């Protein structure tokens, strides 16, 4: 599955989030002239003059309707509204995020919960948590320590497709991954 984020270009508020197959996504991106691509090429942002998601609201407690075995898309944004990364969360990761004040996610590849920055030290301190009942996703507004992307860039969305040309939009990496992720 691929994650497609619709974001208002002016307010930087999220309008909606869709999980799509590669085929469904390709049909949408085919008609778009410009969009952002994440480091793993499994999440994309289309920015236009979109109305905000009317259901996306700040929460101070865990929504009662969350299903225990369900994975929800989670968009991490900084104070300025820049999308830093997309991951997934479940009921337990949302609970840990509320409890610790630090972003926690669920790794689908490793089938386990992880705290952002547990290896790199590049933690995400929570500012607010928002939830959309309509589209079933979360937005973590965070204070990002150093960088969000494992590639060294501030955001996982460090590339933009413009008229079929993929461009790097961040001028430099903030850290060298080979020095941080020593195995």
Protein backbone atom coordinates (compact mmCIF):
# COMPACT_ATOMS: atom_id res chain seq x y z
CA UNK A 1 0.00 0.00 0.00
CA UNK A 2 1.04 3.57 -0.71
CA UNK A 3 0.06 6.65 1.28
CA UNK A 4 -1.21 9.73 -0.51
CA UNK A 5 -1.51 12.95 1.47
CA UNK A 6 -3.54 15.90 0.24
CA UNK A 7 -2.22 19.10 1.85
CA UNK A 8 -3.41 22.69 1.52
CA UNK A 9 -0.56 24.66 0.00
CA UNK A 10 -1.33 27.81 2.00
CA UNK A 11 -2.24 26.65 5.52
CA UNK A 12 -0.25 23.39 5.27
CA UNK A 13 -3.21 21.66 6.93
CA UNK A 14 -3.90 18.09 5.86
CA UNK A 15 -7.04 17.70 3.76
CA UNK A 16 -7.18 13.93 3.54
CA UNK A 17 -5.06 10.80 3.57
CA UNK A 18 -5.65 7.79 1.34
CA UNK A 19 -4.08 4.34 1.31
CA UNK A 20 -3.84 3.14 -2.28
CA UNK A 21 -2.38 0.34 -4.34
CA UNK A 22 0.51 1.25 -6.61
CA UNK A 23 -1.83 1.02 -9.60
CA UNK A 24 -4.39 3.40 -8.03
CA UNK A 25 -1.65 5.82 -7.03
CA UNK A 26 -0.08 5.79 -10.50
CA UNK A 27 -3.38 6.86 -12.06
CA UNK A 28 -3.58 9.87 -9.73
CA UNK A 29 0.06 10.90 -9.98
CA UNK A 30 -0.05 10.54 -13.77
CA UNK A 31 -2.27 13.63 -14.02
CA UNK A 32 -0.40 15.66 -11.38
CA UNK A 33 2.32 18.03 -12.52
CA UNK A 34 3.97 18.39 -9.11
CA UNK A 35 4.14 16.31 -5.93
CA UNK A 36 6.54 15.38 -3.13
CA UNK A 37 8.05 11.90 -2.85
CA UNK A 38 9.30 10.33 0.39
CA UNK A 39 12.60 8.49 0.81
CA UNK A 40 11.07 5.01 0.47
CA UNK A 41 8.81 5.99 -2.43
CA UNK A 42 5.75 4.72 -0.58
CA UNK A 43 4.27 8.08 0.47
CA UNK A 44 3.44 11.13 -1.62
CA UNK A 45 2.12 14.64 -0.97
CA UNK A 46 0.00 16.64 -3.37
CA UNK A 47 -0.16 20.32 -2.40
CA UNK A 48 -2.92 22.50 -3.83
CA UNK A 49 -5.64 24.79 -2.58
CA UNK A 50 -7.48 22.02 -0.69
CA UNK A 51 -10.11 22.58 2.00
CA UNK A 52 -9.00 21.32 5.42
CA UNK A 53 -10.28 17.98 6.69
CA UNK A 54 -13.34 19.01 8.77
CA UNK A 55 -12.84 16.04 11.08
CA UNK A 56 -9.14 16.60 11.83
CA UNK A 57 -9.11 17.90 15.38
CA UNK A 58 -6.73 18.13 18.31
CA UNK A 59 -7.28 15.37 20.83
CA UNK A 60 -6.27 15.14 24.47
CA UNK A 61 -7.18 11.51 24.94
CA UNK A 62 -7.27 8.35 22.87
CA UNK A 63 -10.40 8.09 20.68
CA UNK A 64 -12.70 5.33 21.93
CA UNK A 65 -13.30 3.96 18.44
CA UNK A 66 -9.67 2.93 17.84
CA UNK A 67 -9.41 -0.73 16.99
CA UNK A 68 -6.69 -2.71 18.72
CA UNK A 69 -5.49 -4.62 15.64
CA UNK A 70 -5.75 -1.76 13.14
CA UNK A 71 -2.82 0.27 11.77
CA UNK A 72 -3.53 3.96 11.27
CA UNK A 73 -1.46 6.27 9.06
CA UNK A 74 0.42 8.86 11.12
CA UNK A 75 1.77 12.05 9.56
CA UNK A 76 4.49 13.87 11.51
CA UNK A 77 4.56 17.62 10.89
CA UNK A 78 6.79 20.28 12.40
CA UNK A 79 5.56 23.60 13.86
CA UNK A 80 5.63 25.21 10.41
CA UNK A 81 3.46 22.47 8.90
CA UNK A 82 6.22 20.73 6.94
CA UNK A 83 5.48 17.03 6.62
CA UNK A 84 8.49 15.23 8.07
CA UNK A 85 7.49 11.61 7.63
CA UNK A 86 4.65 9.11 7.36
CA UNK A 87 4.49 5.98 9.47
CA UNK A 88 1.82 3.82 11.04
CA UNK A 89 0.52 3.54 14.55
CA UNK A 90 -1.83 1.32 16.49
CA UNK A 91 -3.66 1.67 19.79
CA UNK A 92 -0.53 0.81 21.79
CA UNK A 93 1.73 3.30 19.96
CA UNK A 94 -0.83 6.07 20.45
CA UNK A 95 -0.98 5.22 24.17
CA UNK A 96 2.84 5.31 24.43
CA UNK A 97 2.95 8.62 22.58
CA UNK A 98 0.43 10.16 24.97
CA UNK A 99 2.21 8.70 28.02
CA UNK A 100 5.79 9.64 27.12
CA UNK A 101 5.28 12.80 25.06
CA UNK A 102 7.56 11.27 22.40
CA UNK A 103 6.41 9.86 19.04
CA UNK A 104 6.04 6.10 18.84
CA UNK A 105 5.20 4.16 15.70
CA UNK A 106 4.63 0.58 14.56
CA UNK A 107 7.16 -0.94 12.19
CA UNK A 108 5.37 -3.13 9.68
CA UNK A 109 8.64 -4.65 8.44
CA UNK A 110 9.93 -5.53 11.92
CA UNK A 111 6.46 -6.14 13.38
CA UNK A 112 7.21 -4.12 16.49
CA UNK A 113 6.74 -0.76 18.17
CA UNK A 114 9.56 1.78 17.91
CA UNK A 115 10.22 5.16 19.41
CA UNK A 116 11.32 7.71 16.84
CA UNK A 117 15.00 8.38 17.48
CA UNK A 118 15.67 5.30 19.61
CA UNK A 119 18.79 4.56 17.53
CA UNK A 120 19.72 7.98 16.19
CA UNK A 121 18.69 10.16 19.13
CA UNK A 122 16.61 12.24 16.70
CA UNK A 123 13.44 12.09 18.78
CA UNK A 124 10.13 13.79 18.05
CA UNK A 125 8.74 15.65 21.05
CA UNK A 126 4.96 15.97 20.87
CA UNK A 127 3.35 19.39 20.56
CA UNK A 128 -0.18 18.20 19.70
CA UNK A 129 -1.92 15.10 18.41
CA UNK A 130 -4.75 15.39 15.92
CA UNK A 131 -7.09 12.68 14.66
CA UNK A 132 -9.47 12.44 11.71
CA UNK A 133 -12.53 10.31 12.37
CA UNK A 134 -13.50 10.66 8.70
CA UNK A 135 -10.28 9.32 7.13
CA UNK A 136 -8.88 7.43 10.17
CA UNK A 137 -5.41 8.98 10.42
CA UNK A 138 -3.34 10.91 12.96
CA UNK A 139 -1.21 14.02 12.68
CA UNK A 140 1.59 14.35 15.21
CA UNK A 141 2.75 17.95 15.43
CA UNK A 142 6.27 17.60 16.73
CA UNK A 143 9.44 19.35 17.65
CA UNK A 144 11.98 17.43 15.58
CA UNK A 145 15.46 16.91 17.01
CA UNK A 146 18.00 17.11 14.13
CA UNK A 147 16.30 15.22 11.26
CA UNK A 148 13.35 12.91 10.67
CA UNK A 149 14.72 10.96 7.71
CA UNK A 150 17.12 8.04 8.08
CA UNK A 151 18.89 9.31 4.94
CA UNK A 152 20.13 12.40 6.80
CA UNK A 153 17.67 14.96 5.44
CA UNK A 154 15.41 17.01 7.71
CA UNK A 155 12.27 15.51 6.11
CA UNK A 156 11.64 12.20 4.39
CA UNK A 157 10.00 14.33 1.68
CA UNK A 158 13.27 15.82 0.48
CA UNK A 159 12.41 15.28 -3.20
CA UNK A 160 9.82 16.89 -5.43
CA UNK A 161 8.59 15.74 -8.81
CA UNK A 162 8.12 18.76 -11.09
CA UNK A 163 7.09 18.19 -14.70
CA UNK A 164 8.55 14.66 -14.65
CA UNK A 165 11.88 15.79 -13.16
CA UNK A 166 12.73 14.58 -9.65
CA UNK A 167 14.56 17.33 -7.73
CA UNK A 168 16.15 17.32 -4.28
CA UNK A 169 14.64 20.25 -2.41
CA UNK A 170 16.82 20.26 0.71
CA UNK A 171 20.29 21.61 0.11
CA UNK A 172 22.18 19.44 2.58
CA UNK A 173 21.97 16.46 4.86
CA UNK A 174 21.92 17.23 8.58
CA UNK A 175 23.80 14.08 9.53
CA UNK A 176 25.69 11.22 7.93
CA UNK A 177 23.63 8.02 8.23
CA UNK A 178 26.71 5.76 8.10
CA UNK A 179 27.98 7.43 11.30
CA UNK A 180 24.64 7.32 13.13
CA UNK A 181 23.35 3.87 12.18
CA UNK A 182 26.44 1.78 12.88
CA UNK A 183 25.68 -1.95 12.80
